[in-house]
Amino acid sequence: ISGDEAIERAVKAVKCARNYVDDVQFYA
């Protein structure tokens, strides 16, 4: 995938996780 696609997926995942917990860790 492209870099922009990766960022889009990452943001979507973080926002999704925030729906369940307040503490979200992202790994690059």
All heavy atoms as atom14 arrays in JSON, in Angstrom:
{
  "sequence": "ISGDEAIERAVKAVKCARNYVDDVQFYA",
  "atom14_mask": [
    [1, 1, 1, 1, 1, 1, 1, 1, 0, 0, 0, 0, 0, 0],
    [1, 1, 1, 1, 1, 1, 0, 0, 0, 0, 0, 0, 0, 0],
    [1, 1, 1, 1, 0, 0, 0, 0, 0, 0, 0, 0, 0, 0],
    [1, 1, 1, 1, 1, 1, 1, 1, 0, 0, 0, 0, 0, 0],
    [1, 1, 1, 1, 1, 1, 1, 1, 1, 0, 0, 0, 0, 0],
    [1, 1, 1, 1, 1, 0, 0, 0, 0, 0, 0, 0, 0, 0],
    [1, 1, 1, 1, 1, 1, 1, 1, 0, 0, 0, 0, 0, 0],
    [1, 1, 1, 1, 1, 1, 1, 1, 1, 0, 0, 0, 0, 0],
    [1, 1, 1, 1, 1, 1, 1, 1, 1, 1, 1, 0, 0, 0],
    [1, 1, 1, 1, 1, 0, 0, 0, 0, 0, 0, 0, 0, 0],
    [1, 1, 1, 1, 1, 1, 1, 0, 0, 0, 0, 0, 0, 0],
    [1, 1, 1, 1, 1, 1, 1, 1, 1, 0, 0, 0, 0, 0],
    [1, 1, 1, 1, 1, 0, 0, 0, 0, 0, 0, 0, 0, 0],
    [1, 1, 1, 1, 1, 1, 1, 0, 0, 0, 0, 0, 0, 0],
    [1, 1, 1, 1, 1, 1, 1, 1, 1, 0, 0, 0, 0, 0],
    [1, 1, 1, 1, 1, 1, 0, 0, 0, 0, 0, 0, 0, 0],
    [1, 1, 1, 1, 1, 0, 0, 0, 0, 0, 0, 0, 0, 0],
    [1, 1, 1, 1, 1, 1, 1, 1, 1, 1, 1, 0, 0, 0],
    [1, 1, 1, 1, 1, 1, 1, 1, 0, 0, 0, 0, 0, 0],
    [1, 1, 1, 1, 1, 1, 1, 1, 1, 1, 1, 1, 0, 0],
    [1, 1, 1, 1, 1, 1, 1, 0, 0, 0, 0, 0, 0, 0],
    [1, 1, 1, 1, 1, 1, 1, 1, 0, 0, 0, 0, 0, 0],
    [1, 1, 1, 1, 1, 1, 1, 1, 0, 0, 0, 0, 0, 0],
    [1, 1, 1, 1, 1, 1, 1, 0, 0, 0, 0, 0, 0, 0],
    [1, 1, 1, 1, 1, 1, 1, 1, 1, 0, 0, 0, 0, 0],
    [1, 1, 1, 1, 1, 1, 1, 1, 1, 1, 1, 0, 0, 0],
    [1, 1, 1, 1, 1, 1, 1, 1, 1, 1, 1, 1, 0, 0],
    [1, 1, 1, 1, 1, 0, 0, 0, 0, 0, 0, 0, 0, 0]
  ],
  "atom14_positions": [
    [[0.85, -1.19, 0.0], [0.0, 0.0, 0.0], [0.89, 1.23, 0.0], [2.1, 1.16, 0.25], [-0.93, 0.03, 1.22], [-0.11, 0.02, 2.53], [-1.93, -1.12, 1.19], [-0.96, 0.16, 3.79], [0.0, 0.0, 0.0], [0.0, 0.0, 0.0], [0.0, 0.0, 0.0], [0.0, 0.0, 0.0], [0.0, 0.0, 0.0], [0.0, 0.0, 0.0]],
    [[0.29, 2.39, -0.26], [1.04, 3.64, -0.24], [1.16, 4.16, 1.18], [0.44, 3.7, 2.09], [0.33, 4.68, -1.1], [-0.91, 5.05, -0.49], [0.0, 0.0, 0.0], [0.0, 0.0, 0.0], [0.0, 0.0, 0.0], [0.0, 0.0, 0.0], [0.0, 0.0, 0.0], [0.0, 0.0, 0.0], [0.0, 0.0, 0.0], [0.0, 0.0, 0.0]],
    [[2.0, 5.15, 1.36], [2.14, 5.76, 2.67], [0.86, 6.4, 3.15], [0.49, 6.3, 4.32], [0.0, 0.0, 0.0], [0.0, 0.0, 0.0], [0.0, 0.0, 0.0], [0.0, 0.0, 0.0], [0.0, 0.0, 0.0], [0.0, 0.0, 0.0], [0.0, 0.0, 0.0], [0.0, 0.0, 0.0], [0.0, 0.0, 0.0], [0.0, 0.0, 0.0]],
    [[0.15, 7.06, 2.24], [-1.11, 7.72, 2.61], [-2.15, 6.69, 3.05], [-2.91, 6.92, 4.0], [-1.65, 8.53, 1.42], [-0.83, 9.8, 1.18], [-0.1, 10.21, 2.1], [-0.93, 10.36, 0.07], [0.0, 0.0, 0.0], [0.0, 0.0, 0.0], [0.0, 0.0, 0.0], [0.0, 0.0, 0.0], [0.0, 0.0, 0.0], [0.0, 0.0, 0.0]],
    [[-2.16, 5.54, 2.37], [-3.1, 4.48, 2.76], [-2.76, 3.95, 4.15], [-3.66, 3.64, 4.95], [-3.06, 3.35, 1.74], [-3.73, 3.67, 0.41], [-3.59, 2.53, -0.58], [-2.44, 2.21, -0.97], [-4.63, 1.96, -0.97], [0.0, 0.0, 0.0], [0.0, 0.0, 0.0], [0.0, 0.0, 0.0], [0.0, 0.0, 0.0], [0.0, 0.0, 0.0]],
    [[-1.47, 3.81, 4.43], [-1.04, 3.33, 5.74], [-1.49, 4.29, 6.84], [-1.98, 3.87, 7.91], [0.47, 3.15, 5.78], [0.0, 0.0, 0.0], [0.0, 0.0, 0.0], [0.0, 0.0, 0.0], [0.0, 0.0, 0.0], [0.0, 0.0, 0.0], [0.0, 0.0, 0.0], [0.0, 0.0, 0.0], [0.0, 0.0, 0.0], [0.0, 0.0, 0.0]],
    [[-1.33, 5.59, 6.6], [-1.74, 6.59, 7.58], [-3.25, 6.53, 7.79], [-3.75, 6.6, 8.93], [-1.31, 8.01, 7.14], [0.23, 8.12, 7.22], [-1.96, 9.08, 8.01], [0.79, 9.4, 6.66], [0.0, 0.0, 0.0], [0.0, 0.0, 0.0], [0.0, 0.0, 0.0], [0.0, 0.0, 0.0], [0.0, 0.0, 0.0], [0.0, 0.0, 0.0]],
    [[-3.99, 6.37, 6.69], [-5.45, 6.28, 6.79], [-5.86, 5.09, 7.65], [-6.75, 5.2, 8.52], [-6.04, 6.16, 5.38], [-7.57, 6.15, 5.35], [-8.11, 6.0, 3.94], [-7.35, 6.22, 2.97], [-9.29, 5.62, 3.81], [0.0, 0.0, 0.0], [0.0, 0.0, 0.0], [0.0, 0.0, 0.0], [0.0, 0.0, 0.0], [0.0, 0.0, 0.0]],
    [[-5.24, 3.93, 7.43], [-5.55, 2.73, 8.21], [-5.19, 2.94, 9.68], [-5.92, 2.51, 10.59], [-4.79, 1.53, 7.67], [-5.32, 0.99, 6.35], [-4.68, -0.36, 6.06], [-4.94, -0.8, 4.7], [-4.51, -1.96, 4.21], [-3.77, -2.77, 4.96], [-4.79, -2.3, 2.96], [0.0, 0.0, 0.0], [0.0, 0.0, 0.0], [0.0, 0.0, 0.0]],
    [[-4.03, 3.56, 9.91], [-3.57, 3.78, 11.29], [-4.54, 4.67, 12.06], [-4.91, 4.36, 13.21], [-2.18, 4.41, 11.27], [0.0, 0.0, 0.0], [0.0, 0.0, 0.0], [0.0, 0.0, 0.0], [0.0, 0.0, 0.0], [0.0, 0.0, 0.0], [0.0, 0.0, 0.0], [0.0, 0.0, 0.0], [0.0, 0.0, 0.0], [0.0, 0.0, 0.0]],
    [[-4.95, 5.76, 11.45], [-5.88, 6.68, 12.1], [-7.21, 5.99, 12.39], [-7.79, 6.12, 13.49], [-6.08, 7.93, 11.22], [-7.25, 8.77, 11.74], [-4.8, 8.76, 11.19], [0.0, 0.0, 0.0], [0.0, 0.0, 0.0], [0.0, 0.0, 0.0], [0.0, 0.0, 0.0], [0.0, 0.0, 0.0], [0.0, 0.0, 0.0], [0.0, 0.0, 0.0]],
    [[-7.7, 5.23, 11.42], [-8.96, 4.51, 11.59], [-8.86, 3.52, 12.76], [-9.8, 3.39, 13.56], [-9.3, 3.79, 10.29], [-10.66, 3.1, 10.31], [-10.95, 2.44, 8.97], [-12.29, 1.71, 8.99], [-12.59, 1.04, 7.69], [0.0, 0.0, 0.0], [0.0, 0.0, 0.0], [0.0, 0.0, 0.0], [0.0, 0.0, 0.0], [0.0, 0.0, 0.0]],
    [[-7.72, 2.82, 12.86], [-7.53, 1.84, 13.93], [-7.49, 2.51, 15.29], [-8.1, 2.02, 16.27], [-6.25, 1.05, 13.68], [0.0, 0.0, 0.0], [0.0, 0.0, 0.0], [0.0, 0.0, 0.0], [0.0, 0.0, 0.0], [0.0, 0.0, 0.0], [0.0, 0.0, 0.0], [0.0, 0.0, 0.0], [0.0, 0.0, 0.0], [0.0, 0.0, 0.0]],
    [[-6.78, 3.62, 15.41], [-6.69, 4.32, 16.68], [-8.06, 4.83, 17.11], [-8.47, 4.7, 18.27], [-5.67, 5.48, 16.6], [-5.75, 6.37, 17.85], [-4.25, 4.93, 16.45], [0.0, 0.0, 0.0], [0.0, 0.0, 0.0], [0.0, 0.0, 0.0], [0.0, 0.0, 0.0], [0.0, 0.0, 0.0], [0.0, 0.0, 0.0], [0.0, 0.0, 0.0]],
    [[-8.79, 5.41, 16.19], [-10.13, 5.91, 16.52], [-11.07, 4.78, 16.91], [-11.88, 4.92, 17.84], [-10.69, 6.69, 15.33], [-10.01, 8.05, 15.12], [-10.65, 8.81, 13.96], [-10.04, 10.22, 13.84], [-10.62, 10.98, 12.71], [0.0, 0.0, 0.0], [0.0, 0.0, 0.0], [0.0, 0.0, 0.0], [0.0, 0.0, 0.0], [0.0, 0.0, 0.0]],
    [[-10.93, 3.65, 16.22], [-11.76, 2.48, 16.56], [-11.45, 2.02, 17.98], [-12.36, 1.75, 18.78], [-11.51, 1.37, 15.55], [-12.43, -0.15, 15.89], [0.0, 0.0, 0.0], [0.0, 0.0, 0.0], [0.0, 0.0, 0.0], [0.0, 0.0, 0.0], [0.0, 0.0, 0.0], [0.0, 0.0, 0.0], [0.0, 0.0, 0.0], [0.0, 0.0, 0.0]],
    [[-10.16, 1.91, 18.31], [-9.75, 1.45, 19.64], [-10.21, 2.42, 20.72], [-10.59, 2.0, 21.83], [-8.23, 1.29, 19.69], [0.0, 0.0, 0.0], [0.0, 0.0, 0.0], [0.0, 0.0, 0.0], [0.0, 0.0, 0.0], [0.0, 0.0, 0.0], [0.0, 0.0, 0.0], [0.0, 0.0, 0.0], [0.0, 0.0, 0.0], [0.0, 0.0, 0.0]],
    [[-10.24, 3.72, 20.4], [-10.68, 4.72, 21.38], [-12.16, 4.58, 21.71], [-12.63, 5.09, 22.74], [-10.39, 6.13, 20.87], [-8.95, 6.6, 21.03], [-8.51, 6.65, 22.49], [-9.35, 7.5, 23.29], [-9.1, 8.78, 23.56], [-8.0, 9.35, 23.07], [-9.92, 9.48, 24.31], [0.0, 0.0, 0.0], [0.0, 0.0, 0.0], [0.0, 0.0, 0.0]],
    [[-12.9, 3.88, 20.87], [-14.31, 3.63, 21.17], [-14.47, 2.64, 22.33], [-15.55, 2.57, 22.94], [-15.04, 3.07, 19.94], [-15.2, 4.11, 18.85], [-15.35, 5.3, 19.13], [-15.2, 3.68, 17.6], [0.0, 0.0, 0.0], [0.0, 0.0, 0.0], [0.0, 0.0, 0.0], [0.0, 0.0, 0.0], [0.0, 0.0, 0.0], [0.0, 0.0, 0.0]],
    [[-13.41, 1.9, 22.61], [-13.48, 0.84, 23.63], [-12.65, 1.16, 24.88], [-13.03, 0.76, 25.98], [-13.01, -0.49, 23.04], [-13.86, -0.96, 21.88], [-13.48, -0.73, 20.57], [-15.07, -1.62, 22.12], [-14.26, -1.16, 19.5], [-15.87, -2.06, 21.06], [-15.46, -1.81, 19.75], [-16.24, -2.22, 18.7], [0.0, 0.0, 0.0], [0.0, 0.0, 0.0]],
    [[-11.51, 1.81, 24.69], [-10.62, 2.13, 25.82], [-10.08, 3.54, 25.67], [-9.99, 4.07, 24.56], [-9.43, 1.13, 25.92], [-9.92, -0.28, 26.21], [-8.58, 1.16, 24.65], [0.0, 0.0, 0.0], [0.0, 0.0, 0.0], [0.0, 0.0, 0.0], [0.0, 0.0, 0.0], [0.0, 0.0, 0.0], [0.0, 0.0, 0.0], [0.0, 0.0, 0.0]],
    [[-9.7, 4.14, 26.77], [-9.12, 5.48, 26.73], [-7.62, 5.44, 26.44], [-7.04, 6.42, 25.98], [-9.34, 6.2, 28.06], [-10.81, 6.51, 28.31], [-11.54, 6.71, 27.32], [-11.21, 6.51, 29.49], [0.0, 0.0, 0.0], [0.0, 0.0, 0.0], [0.0, 0.0, 0.0], [0.0, 0.0, 0.0], [0.0, 0.0, 0.0], [0.0, 0.0, 0.0]],
    [[-7.02, 4.31, 26.75], [-5.56, 4.16, 26.62], [-5.25, 3.35, 25.37], [-5.41, 2.12, 25.35], [-5.01, 3.46, 27.87], [-3.49, 3.45, 27.94], [-2.84, 3.99, 27.03], [-2.95, 2.87, 28.91], [0.0, 0.0, 0.0], [0.0, 0.0, 0.0], [0.0, 0.0, 0.0], [0.0, 0.0, 0.0], [0.0, 0.0, 0.0], [0.0, 0.0, 0.0]],
    [[-4.8, 4.04, 24.31], [-4.49, 3.38, 23.04], [-3.03, 3.6, 22.7], [-2.54, 4.74, 22.69], [-5.38, 3.9, 21.89], [-4.96, 3.27, 20.55], [-6.84, 3.62, 22.17], [0.0, 0.0, 0.0], [0.0, 0.0, 0.0], [0.0, 0.0, 0.0], [0.0, 0.0, 0.0], [0.0, 0.0, 0.0], [0.0, 0.0, 0.0], [0.0, 0.0, 0.0]],
    [[-2.34, 2.51, 22.45], [-0.93, 2.59, 22.05], [-0.83, 2.22, 20.58], [-1.39, 1.24, 20.12], [-0.09, 1.62, 22.89], [1.39, 1.59, 22.51], [2.25, 0.86, 23.52], [2.01, 0.95, 24.72], [3.24, 0.13, 23.05], [0.0, 0.0, 0.0], [0.0, 0.0, 0.0], [0.0, 0.0, 0.0], [0.0, 0.0, 0.0], [0.0, 0.0, 0.0]],
    [[-0.06, 3.04, 19.85], [0.13, 2.8, 18.42], [1.57, 2.39, 18.15], [2.5, 3.04, 18.65], [-0.19, 4.05, 17.61], [0.12, 3.9, 16.13], [-0.75, 3.25, 15.29], [1.32, 4.39, 15.61], [-0.46, 3.08, 13.93], [1.63, 4.22, 14.26], [0.74, 3.57, 13.42], [0.0, 0.0, 0.0], [0.0, 0.0, 0.0], [0.0, 0.0, 0.0]],
    [[1.78, 1.3, 17.39], [3.13, 0.89, 17.03], [3.38, 1.17, 15.54], [2.57, 0.85, 14.69], [3.4, -0.58, 17.35], [2.57, -1.59, 16.61], [2.93, -2.02, 15.33], [1.43, -2.15, 17.19], [2.17, -2.98, 14.65], [0.67, -3.1, 16.52], [1.04, -3.51, 15.25], [0.29, -4.44, 14.58], [0.0, 0.0, 0.0], [0.0, 0.0, 0.0]],
    [[4.51, 1.82, 15.28], [4.94, 2.1, 13.91], [5.97, 1.04, 13.55], [7.18, 1.24, 13.71], [5.54, 3.5, 13.83], [0.0, 0.0, 0.0], [0.0, 0.0, 0.0], [0.0, 0.0, 0.0], [0.0, 0.0, 0.0], [0.0, 0.0, 0.0], [0.0, 0.0, 0.0], [0.0, 0.0, 0.0], [0.0, 0.0, 0.0], [0.0, 0.0, 0.0]]
  ]
}
